PDB file of all heavy atoms in Angstrom:
ATOM      1  N   HIS A   1     231.496 128.962  65.549  1.00  0.00           N
ATOM      2  CA  HIS A   1     232.442 127.930  65.104  1.00  0.00           C
ATOM      3  C   HIS A   1     233.573 128.627  64.319  1.00  0.00           C
ATOM      4  O   HIS A   1     233.336 129.660  63.638  1.00  0.00           O
ATOM      5  CB  HIS A   1     231.765 126.857  64.275  1.00  0.00           C
ATOM      6  CG  HIS A   1     231.030 127.408  63.062  1.00  0.00           C
ATOM      7  ND1 HIS A   1     231.592 127.594  61.866  1.00  0.00           N
ATOM      8  CD2 HIS A   1     229.731 127.836  62.961  1.00  0.00           C
ATOM      9  CE1 HIS A   1     230.667 128.116  61.031  1.00  0.00           C
ATOM     10  NE2 HIS A   1     229.542 128.287  61.677  1.00  0.00           N
ATOM     11  N   GLY A   2     234.789 128.013  64.392  1.00  0.00           N
ATOM     12  CA  GLY A   2     235.903 128.630  63.687  1.00  0.00           C
ATOM     13  C   GLY A   2     237.208 128.018  64.061  1.00  0.00           C
ATOM     14  O   GLY A   2     237.365 126.797  64.071  1.00  0.00           O
ATOM     15  N   GLN A   3     238.164 128.885  64.446  1.00  0.00           N
ATOM     16  CA  GLN A   3     239.557 128.458  64.688  1.00  0.00           C
ATOM     17  C   GLN A   3     240.094 129.020  65.980  1.00  0.00           C
ATOM     18  O   GLN A   3     239.633 130.080  66.473  1.00  0.00           O
ATOM     19  CB  GLN A   3     240.437 128.953  63.532  1.00  0.00           C
ATOM     20  CG  GLN A   3     240.015 128.441  62.160  1.00  0.00           C
ATOM     21  CD  GLN A   3     240.785 129.154  61.057  1.00  0.00           C
ATOM     22  OE1 GLN A   3     241.099 130.331  61.118  1.00  0.00           O
ATOM     23  NE2 GLN A   3     241.137 128.393  59.994  1.00  0.00           N
ATOM     24  N   LEU A   4     241.081 128.304  66.486  1.00  0.00           N
ATOM     25  CA  LEU A   4     241.845 128.795  67.658  1.00  0.00           C
ATOM     26  C   LEU A   4     243.220 129.187  67.135  1.00  0.00           C
ATOM     27  O   LEU A   4     243.883 128.396  66.496  1.00  0.00           O
ATOM     28  CB  LEU A   4     241.932 127.710  68.748  1.00  0.00           C
ATOM     29  CG  LEU A   4     242.330 128.132  70.148  1.00  0.00           C
ATOM     30  CD1 LEU A   4     241.382 129.164  70.720  1.00  0.00           C
ATOM     31  CD2 LEU A   4     242.413 126.926  71.042  1.00  0.00           C
ATOM     32  N   MET A   5     243.641 130.432  67.450  1.00  0.00           N
ATOM     33  CA  MET A   5     244.856 130.953  66.875  1.00  0.00           C
ATOM     34  C   MET A   5     245.825 131.480  67.946  1.00  0.00           C
ATOM     35  O   MET A   5     245.393 132.130  68.899  1.00  0.00           O
ATOM     36  CB  MET A   5     244.533 132.068  65.876  1.00  0.00           C
ATOM     37  CG  MET A   5     245.750 132.699  65.213  1.00  0.00           C
ATOM     38  SD  MET A   5     245.262 134.118  64.203  1.00  0.00           S
ATOM     39  CE  MET A   5     244.192 133.316  62.963  1.00  0.00           C
ATOM     40  N   PHE A   6     247.105 131.148  67.806  1.00  0.00           N
ATOM     41  CA  PHE A   6     248.129 131.651  68.693  1.00  0.00           C
ATOM     42  C   PHE A   6     249.188 132.410  67.876  1.00  0.00           C
ATOM     43  O   PHE A   6     249.625 131.903  66.858  1.00  0.00           O
ATOM     44  CB  PHE A   6     248.820 130.466  69.441  1.00  0.00           C
ATOM     45  CG  PHE A   6     247.901 129.647  70.271  1.00  0.00           C
ATOM     46  CD1 PHE A   6     247.183 128.605  69.677  1.00  0.00           C
ATOM     47  CD2 PHE A   6     247.705 129.916  71.599  1.00  0.00           C
ATOM     48  CE1 PHE A   6     246.308 127.792  70.422  1.00  0.00           C
ATOM     49  CE2 PHE A   6     246.830 129.119  72.340  1.00  0.00           C
ATOM     50  CZ  PHE A   6     246.125 128.087  71.736  1.00  0.00           C
ATOM     51  N   THR A   7     249.577 133.580  68.359  1.00  0.00           N
ATOM     52  CA  THR A   7     250.554 134.400  67.630  1.00  0.00           C
ATOM     53  C   THR A   7     251.746 134.615  68.525  1.00  0.00           C
ATOM     54  O   THR A   7     251.608 135.044  69.702  1.00  0.00           O
ATOM     55  CB  THR A   7     249.945 135.737  67.188  1.00  0.00           C
ATOM     56  OG1 THR A   7     248.790 135.506  66.420  1.00  0.00           O
ATOM     57  CG2 THR A   7     250.948 136.508  66.333  1.00  0.00           C
ATOM     58  N   PHE A   8     252.970 134.331  67.976  1.00  0.00           N
ATOM     59  CA  PHE A   8     254.226 134.512  68.662  1.00  0.00           C
ATOM     60  C   PHE A   8     254.988 135.663  67.973  1.00  0.00           C
ATOM     61  O   PHE A   8     255.080 135.709  66.775  1.00  0.00           O
ATOM     62  CB  PHE A   8     255.038 133.239  68.606  1.00  0.00           C
ATOM     63  CG  PHE A   8     254.330 132.035  69.234  1.00  0.00           C
ATOM     64  CD1 PHE A   8     253.459 131.290  68.424  1.00  0.00           C
ATOM     65  CD2 PHE A   8     254.565 131.673  70.531  1.00  0.00           C
ATOM     66  CE1 PHE A   8     252.809 130.197  68.957  1.00  0.00           C
ATOM     67  CE2 PHE A   8     253.914 130.588  71.080  1.00  0.00           C
ATOM     68  CZ  PHE A   8     253.019 129.824  70.304  1.00  0.00           C
ATOM     69  N   TYR A   9     255.564 136.553  68.803  1.00  0.00           N
ATOM     70  CA  TYR A   9     256.270 137.706  68.303  1.00  0.00           C
ATOM     71  C   TYR A   9     257.742 137.653  68.700  1.00  0.00           C
ATOM     72  O   TYR A   9     258.015 137.507  69.917  1.00  0.00           O
ATOM     73  CB  TYR A   9     255.639 138.992  68.809  1.00  0.00           C
ATOM     74  CG  TYR A   9     254.193 139.211  68.428  1.00  0.00           C
ATOM     75  CD1 TYR A   9     253.151 138.755  69.280  1.00  0.00           C
ATOM     76  CD2 TYR A   9     253.837 139.811  67.228  1.00  0.00           C
ATOM     77  CE1 TYR A   9     251.806 138.890  68.934  1.00  0.00           C
ATOM     78  CE2 TYR A   9     252.488 140.022  66.897  1.00  0.00           C
ATOM     79  CZ  TYR A   9     251.500 139.512  67.749  1.00  0.00           C
ATOM     80  OH  TYR A   9     250.184 139.658  67.412  1.00  0.00           O
ATOM     81  N   LYS A  10     258.603 137.825  67.713  1.00  0.00           N
ATOM     82  CA  LYS A  10     260.027 137.845  68.021  1.00  0.00           C
ATOM     83  C   LYS A  10     260.335 139.044  68.871  1.00  0.00           C
ATOM     84  O   LYS A  10     259.920 140.176  68.579  1.00  0.00           O
ATOM     85  CB  LYS A  10     260.806 137.926  66.724  1.00  0.00           C
ATOM     86  CG  LYS A  10     262.333 137.887  66.922  1.00  0.00           C
ATOM     87  CD  LYS A  10     263.061 137.919  65.566  1.00  0.00           C
ATOM     88  CE  LYS A  10     264.550 137.943  65.756  1.00  0.00           C
ATOM     89  NZ  LYS A  10     265.268 137.982  64.426  1.00  0.00           N
ATOM     90  N   GLY A  11     261.028 138.789  69.986  1.00  0.00           N
ATOM     91  CA  GLY A  11     261.410 139.883  70.902  1.00  0.00           C
ATOM     92  C   GLY A  11     260.388 140.140  72.022  1.00  0.00           C
ATOM     93  O   GLY A  11     260.593 141.066  72.832  1.00  0.00           O
ATOM     94  N   SER A  12     259.347 139.378  72.104  1.00  0.00           N
ATOM     95  CA  SER A  12     258.305 139.553  73.139  1.00  0.00           C
ATOM     96  C   SER A  12     258.086 138.242  73.896  1.00  0.00           C
ATOM     97  O   SER A  12     258.107 137.172  73.297  1.00  0.00           O
ATOM     98  CB  SER A  12     256.977 140.006  72.510  1.00  0.00           C
ATOM     99  OG  SER A  12     255.949 140.092  73.486  1.00  0.00           O
ATOM    100  N   ASN A  13     257.870 138.365  75.206  1.00  0.00           N
ATOM    101  CA  ASN A  13     257.587 137.164  76.012  1.00  0.00           C
ATOM    102  C   ASN A  13     256.103 136.785  75.987  1.00  0.00           C
ATOM    103  O   ASN A  13     255.732 135.778  76.574  1.00  0.00           O
ATOM    104  CB  ASN A  13     257.971 137.441  77.486  1.00  0.00           C
ATOM    105  CG  ASN A  13     259.478 137.440  77.686  1.00  0.00           C
ATOM    106  OD1 ASN A  13     260.247 137.517  76.744  1.00  0.00           O
ATOM    107  ND2 ASN A  13     259.916 137.305  78.942  1.00  0.00           N
ATOM    108  N   LEU A  14     255.283 137.595  75.368  1.00  0.00           N
ATOM    109  CA  LEU A  14     253.849 137.379  75.422  1.00  0.00           C
ATOM    110  C   LEU A  14     253.369 136.615  74.220  1.00  0.00           C
ATOM    111  O   LEU A  14     253.894 136.737  73.088  1.00  0.00           O
ATOM    112  CB  LEU A  14     253.144 138.749  75.487  1.00  0.00           C
ATOM    113  CG  LEU A  14     253.561 139.677  76.626  1.00  0.00           C
ATOM    114  CD1 LEU A  14     252.823 140.972  76.605  1.00  0.00           C
ATOM    115  CD2 LEU A  14     253.393 138.947  77.936  1.00  0.00           C
ATOM    116  N   VAL A  15     252.329 135.854  74.407  1.00  0.00           N
ATOM    117  CA  VAL A  15     251.646 135.044  73.387  1.00  0.00           C
ATOM    118  C   VAL A  15     250.239 135.561  73.250  1.00  0.00           C
ATOM    119  O   VAL A  15     249.533 135.677  74.268  1.00  0.00           O
ATOM    120  CB  VAL A  15     251.676 133.557  73.670  1.00  0.00           C
ATOM    121  CG1 VAL A  15     250.975 132.759  72.583  1.00  0.00           C
ATOM    122  CG2 VAL A  15     253.117 133.035  73.882  1.00  0.00           C
ATOM    123  N   GLN A  16     249.793 135.824  72.039  1.00  0.00           N
ATOM    124  CA  GLN A  16     248.411 136.259  71.820  1.00  0.00           C
ATOM    125  C   GLN A  16     247.560 135.056  71.429  1.00  0.00           C
ATOM    126  O   GLN A  16     247.866 134.355  70.478  1.00  0.00           O
ATOM    127  CB  GLN A  16     248.332 137.328  70.769  1.00  0.00           C
ATOM    128  CG  GLN A  16     246.926 137.773  70.427  1.00  0.00           C
ATOM    129  CD  GLN A  16     246.862 138.944  69.478  1.00  0.00           C
ATOM    130  OE1 GLN A  16     247.540 139.955  69.700  1.00  0.00           O
ATOM    131  NE2 GLN A  16     246.129 138.804  68.406  1.00  0.00           N
ATOM    132  N   GLN A  17     246.490 134.837  72.151  1.00  0.00           N
ATOM    133  CA  GLN A  17     245.565 133.763  71.877  1.00  0.00           C
ATOM    134  C   GLN A  17     244.233 134.372  71.387  1.00  0.00           C
ATOM    135  O   GLN A  17     243.729 135.313  71.989  1.00  0.00           O
ATOM    136  CB  GLN A  17     245.284 132.927  73.131  1.00  0.00           C
ATOM    137  CG  GLN A  17     244.247 131.853  72.921  1.00  0.00           C
ATOM    138  CD  GLN A  17     243.847 131.210  74.246  1.00  0.00           C
ATOM    139  OE1 GLN A  17     244.728 130.706  74.949  1.00  0.00           O
ATOM    140  NE2 GLN A  17     242.621 131.248  74.583  1.00  0.00           N
ATOM    141  N   GLU A  18     243.695 133.838  70.297  1.00  0.00           N
ATOM    142  CA  GLU A  18     242.434 134.363  69.740  1.00  0.00           C
ATOM    143  C   GLU A  18     241.544 133.211  69.336  1.00  0.00           C
ATOM    144  O   GLU A  18     241.982 132.233  68.774  1.00  0.00           O
ATOM    145  CB  GLU A  18     242.701 135.211  68.496  1.00  0.00           C
ATOM    146  CG  GLU A  18     243.518 136.440  68.757  1.00  0.00           C
ATOM    147  CD  GLU A  18     243.830 137.144  67.455  1.00  0.00           C
ATOM    148  OE1 GLU A  18     244.790 136.799  66.782  1.00  0.00           O
ATOM    149  OE2 GLU A  18     243.063 138.100  67.087  1.00  0.00           O
ATOM    150  N   ALA A  19     240.255 133.332  69.631  1.00  0.00           N
ATOM    151  CA  ALA A  19     239.229 132.471  69.064  1.00  0.00           C
ATOM    152  C   ALA A  19     238.557 133.222  67.953  1.00  0.00           C
ATOM    153  O   ALA A  19     237.874 134.224  68.191  1.00  0.00           O
ATOM    154  CB  ALA A  19     238.232 132.039  70.125  1.00  0.00           C
ATOM    155  N   VAL A  20     238.798 132.815  66.723  1.00  0.00           N
ATOM    156  CA  VAL A  20     238.235 133.530  65.567  1.00  0.00           C
ATOM    157  C   VAL A  20     237.068 132.702  65.042  1.00  0.00           C
ATOM    158  O   VAL A  20     237.244 131.606  64.463  1.00  0.00           O
ATOM    159  CB  VAL A  20     239.299 133.669  64.447  1.00  0.00           C
ATOM    160  CG1 VAL A  20     238.750 134.492  63.288  1.00  0.00           C
ATOM    161  CG2 VAL A  20     240.555 134.367  65.016  1.00  0.00           C
ATOM    162  N   VAL A  21     235.876 133.189  65.310  1.00  0.00           N
ATOM    163  CA  VAL A  21     234.690 132.373  65.046  1.00  0.00           C
ATOM    164  C   VAL A  21     233.619 133.180  64.327  1.00  0.00           C
ATOM    165  O   VAL A  21     233.667 134.396  64.245  1.00  0.00           O
ATOM    166  CB  VAL A  21     234.082 131.821  66.364  1.00  0.00           C
ATOM    167  CG1 VAL A  21     235.072 130.935  67.083  1.00  0.00           C
ATOM    168  CG2 VAL A  21     233.673 132.983  67.280  1.00  0.00           C
ATOM    169  N   ARG A  22     232.601 132.468  63.813  1.00  0.00           N
ATOM    170  CA  ARG A  22     231.425 133.116  63.170  1.00  0.00           C
ATOM    171  C   ARG A  22     230.184 132.375  63.558  1.00  0.00           C
ATOM    172  O   ARG A  22     230.229 131.272  64.106  1.00  0.00           O
ATOM    173  CB  ARG A  22     231.600 133.099  61.652  1.00  0.00           C
ATOM    174  CG  ARG A  22     231.650 131.699  61.007  1.00  0.00           C
ATOM    175  CD  ARG A  22     231.794 131.758  59.510  1.00  0.00           C
ATOM    176  NE  ARG A  22     230.553 132.338  58.944  1.00  0.00           N
ATOM    177  CZ  ARG A  22     230.558 132.954  57.738  1.00  0.00           C
ATOM    178  NH1 ARG A  22     231.683 133.080  57.043  1.00  0.00           N
ATOM    179  NH2 ARG A  22     229.442 133.429  57.227  1.00  0.00           N
ATOM    180  N   THR A  23     229.053 133.024  63.275  1.00  0.00           N
ATOM    181  CA  THR A  23     227.745 132.375  63.536  1.00  0.00           C
ATOM    182  C   THR A  23     226.828 132.718  62.394  1.00  0.00           C
ATOM    183  O   THR A  23     226.910 133.814  61.804  1.00  0.00           O
ATOM    184  CB  THR A  23     227.152 132.832  64.890  1.00  0.00           C
ATOM    185  OG1 THR A  23     225.901 132.150  65.058  1.00  0.00           O
ATOM    186  CG2 THR A  23     226.887 134.335  64.925  1.00  0.00           C
ATOM    187  N   GLU A  24     225.896 131.835  62.100  1.00  0.00           N
ATOM    188  CA  GLU A  24     224.910 132.088  61.078  1.00  0.00           C
ATOM    189  C   GLU A  24     223.632 132.667  61.682  1.00  0.00           C
ATOM    190  O   GLU A  24     222.712 133.043  60.968  1.00  0.00           O
ATOM    191  CB  GLU A  24     224.564 130.781  60.331  1.00  0.00           C
ATOM    192  CG  GLU A  24     225.804 130.097  59.648  1.00  0.00           C
ATOM    193  CD  GLU A  24     226.458 131.013  58.660  1.00  0.00           C
ATOM    194  OE1 GLU A  24     225.762 131.865  58.027  1.00  0.00           O
ATOM    195  OE2 GLU A  24     227.701 130.893  58.494  1.00  0.00           O
ATOM    196  N   ASP A  25     223.540 132.656  63.018  1.00  0.00           N
ATOM    197  CA  ASP A  25     222.360 133.220  63.659  1.00  0.00           C
ATOM    198  C   ASP A  25     222.321 134.733  63.545  1.00  0.00           C
ATOM    199  O   ASP A  25     223.331 135.397  63.792  1.00  0.00           O
ATOM    200  CB  ASP A  25     222.335 132.810  65.157  1.00  0.00           C
ATOM    201  CG  ASP A  25     222.043 131.320  65.354  1.00  0.00           C
ATOM    202  OD1 ASP A  25     222.148 130.574  64.332  1.00  0.00           O
ATOM    203  OD2 ASP A  25     221.762 130.942  66.462  1.00  0.00           O
ATOM    204  N   PRO A  26     221.168 135.309  63.238  1.00  0.00           N
ATOM    205  CA  PRO A  26     221.068 136.775  63.099  1.00  0.00           C
ATOM    206  C   PRO A  26     220.865 137.433  64.457  1.00  0.00           C
ATOM    207  O   PRO A  26     220.374 136.846  65.436  1.00  0.00           O
ATOM    208  CB  PRO A  26     219.826 136.964  62.221  1.00  0.00           C
ATOM    209  CG  PRO A  26     218.960 135.780  62.536  1.00  0.00           C
ATOM    210  CD  PRO A  26     219.898 134.647  62.803  1.00  0.00           C
ATOM    211  N   ASP A  27     221.236 138.716  64.525  1.00  0.00           N
ATOM    212  CA  ASP A  27     220.917 139.611  65.681  1.00  0.00           C
ATOM    213  C   ASP A  27     221.334 139.013  67.017  1.00  0.00           C
ATOM    214  O   ASP A  27     220.595 138.991  68.002  1.00  0.00           O
ATOM    215  CB  ASP A  27     219.425 139.892  65.704  1.00  0.00           C
ATOM    216  CG  ASP A  27     218.917 140.480  64.413  1.00  0.00           C
ATOM    217  OD1 ASP A  27     219.688 141.272  63.822  1.00  0.00           O
ATOM    218  OD2 ASP A  27     217.813 140.164  63.990  1.00  0.00           O
ATOM    219  N   VAL A  28     222.559 138.518  67.077  1.00  0.00           N
ATOM    220  CA  VAL A  28     223.061 137.883  68.291  1.00  0.00           C
ATOM    221  C   VAL A  28     223.747 138.909  69.212  1.00  0.00           C
ATOM    222  O   VAL A  28     224.607 139.669  68.753  1.00  0.00           O
ATOM    223  CB  VAL A  28     224.077 136.738  67.953  1.00  0.00           C
ATOM    224  CG1 VAL A  28     224.664 136.151  69.250  1.00  0.00           C
ATOM    225  CG2 VAL A  28     223.398 135.671  67.132  1.00  0.00           C
ATOM    226  N   ALA A  29     223.348 138.898  70.475  1.00  0.00           N
ATOM    227  CA  ALA A  29     224.112 139.627  71.512  1.00  0.00           C
ATOM    228  C   ALA A  29     224.901 138.571  72.247  1.00  0.00           C
ATOM    229  O   ALA A  29     224.417 137.477  72.525  1.00  0.00           O
ATOM    230  CB  ALA A  29     223.131 140.331  72.458  1.00  0.00           C
ATOM    231  N   TYR A  30     226.143 138.906  72.563  1.00  0.00           N
ATOM    232  CA  TYR A  30     226.953 137.877  73.219  1.00  0.00           C
ATOM    233  C   TYR A  30     227.961 138.483  74.243  1.00  0.00           C
ATOM    234  O   TYR A  30     228.318 139.633  74.151  1.00  0.00           O
ATOM    235  CB  TYR A  30     227.732 137.061  72.181  1.00  0.00           C
ATOM    236  CG  TYR A  30     228.837 137.830  71.473  1.00  0.00           C
ATOM    237  CD1 TYR A  30     230.145 137.801  71.949  1.00  0.00           C
ATOM    238  CD2 TYR A  30     228.537 138.578  70.340  1.00  0.00           C
ATOM    239  CE1 TYR A  30     231.159 138.480  71.296  1.00  0.00           C
ATOM    240  CE2 TYR A  30     229.554 139.276  69.679  1.00  0.00           C
ATOM    241  CZ  TYR A  30     230.855 139.233  70.179  1.00  0.00           C
ATOM    242  OH  TYR A  30     231.858 139.946  69.531  1.00  0.00           O
ATOM    243  N   TYR A  31     228.359 137.645  75.159  1.00  0.00           N
ATOM    244  CA  TYR A  31     229.375 137.938  76.147  1.00  0.00           C
ATOM    245  C   TYR A  31     230.187 136.680  76.296  1.00  0.00           C
ATOM    246  O   TYR A  31     229.630 135.582  76.177  1.00  0.00           O
ATOM    247  CB  TYR A  31     228.714 138.372  77.481  1.00  0.00           C
ATOM    248  CG  TYR A  31     229.649 138.380  78.630  1.00  0.00           C
ATOM    249  CD1 TYR A  31     230.577 139.404  78.825  1.00  0.00           C
ATOM    250  CD2 TYR A  31     229.630 137.366  79.585  1.00  0.00           C
ATOM    251  CE1 TYR A  31     231.436 139.423  79.935  1.00  0.00           C
ATOM    252  CE2 TYR A  31     230.498 137.342  80.675  1.00  0.00           C
ATOM    253  CZ  TYR A  31     231.368 138.369  80.824  1.00  0.00           C
ATOM    254  OH  TYR A  31     232.254 138.372  81.884  1.00  0.00           O
ATOM    255  N   TYR A  32     231.467 136.778  76.570  1.00  0.00           N
ATOM    256  CA  TYR A  32     232.240 135.535  76.725  1.00  0.00           C
ATOM    257  C   TYR A  32     233.365 135.748  77.749  1.00  0.00           C
ATOM    258  O   TYR A  32     233.816 136.828  78.039  1.00  0.00           O
ATOM    259  CB  TYR A  32     232.860 135.126  75.412  1.00  0.00           C
ATOM    260  CG  TYR A  32     233.960 136.013  74.887  1.00  0.00           C
ATOM    261  CD1 TYR A  32     235.288 135.737  75.124  1.00  0.00           C
ATOM    262  CD2 TYR A  32     233.667 137.153  74.126  1.00  0.00           C
ATOM    263  CE1 TYR A  32     236.297 136.552  74.649  1.00  0.00           C
ATOM    264  CE2 TYR A  32     234.670 137.955  73.639  1.00  0.00           C
ATOM    265  CZ  TYR A  32     235.998 137.641  73.898  1.00  0.00           C
ATOM    266  OH  TYR A  32     236.965 138.470  73.457  1.00  0.00           O
ATOM    267  N   ASP A  33     233.801 134.617  78.324  1.00  0.00           N
ATOM    268  CA  ASP A  33     234.947 134.519  79.219  1.00  0.00           C
ATOM    269  C   ASP A  33     235.955 133.599  78.589  1.00  0.00           C
ATOM    270  O   ASP A  33     235.599 132.692  77.844  1.00  0.00           O
ATOM    271  CB  ASP A  33     234.517 133.948  80.620  1.00  0.00           C
ATOM    272  CG  ASP A  33     233.771 134.946  81.449  1.00  0.00           C
ATOM    273  OD1 ASP A  33     234.111 136.167  81.352  1.00  0.00           O
ATOM    274  OD2 ASP A  33     232.873 134.551  82.151  1.00  0.00           O
ATOM    275  N   ALA A  34     237.225 133.772  78.923  1.00  0.00           N
ATOM    276  CA  ALA A  34     238.277 132.927  78.444  1.00  0.00           C
ATOM    277  C   ALA A  34     239.352 132.738  79.507  1.00  0.00           C
ATOM    278  O   ALA A  34     239.635 133.644  80.286  1.00  0.00           O
ATOM    279  CB  ALA A  34     238.953 133.525  77.174  1.00  0.00           C
ATOM    280  N   TRP A  35     239.895 131.533  79.569  1.00  0.00           N
ATOM    281  CA  TRP A  35     240.916 131.222  80.597  1.00  0.00           C
ATOM    282  C   TRP A  35     241.710 130.005  80.153  1.00  0.00           C
ATOM    283  O   TRP A  35     241.425 129.399  79.124  1.00  0.00           O
ATOM    284  CB  TRP A  35     240.268 130.988  81.971  1.00  0.00           C
ATOM    285  CG  TRP A  35     239.375 129.812  82.043  1.00  0.00           C
ATOM    286  CD1 TRP A  35     239.706 128.531  82.445  1.00  0.00           C
ATOM    287  CD2 TRP A  35     237.946 129.764  81.711  1.00  0.00           C
ATOM    288  NE1 TRP A  35     238.595 127.750  82.409  1.00  0.00           N
ATOM    289  CE2 TRP A  35     237.515 128.477  81.954  1.00  0.00           C
ATOM    290  CE3 TRP A  35     237.058 130.735  81.233  1.00  0.00           C
ATOM    291  CZ2 TRP A  35     236.171 128.046  81.754  1.00  0.00           C
ATOM    292  CZ3 TRP A  35     235.749 130.317  81.029  1.00  0.00           C
ATOM    293  CH2 TRP A  35     235.306 129.031  81.308  1.00  0.00           C
TER     294      TRP A  35
END
């Protein structure tokens, strides 16, 4: 759980999208897809 973040850069056509999240579960292995 956390936040969804978008970063815009002056002079660039690209937008950076990030999911900044945390978990309280210990010893987690993870893999993810985004689209």
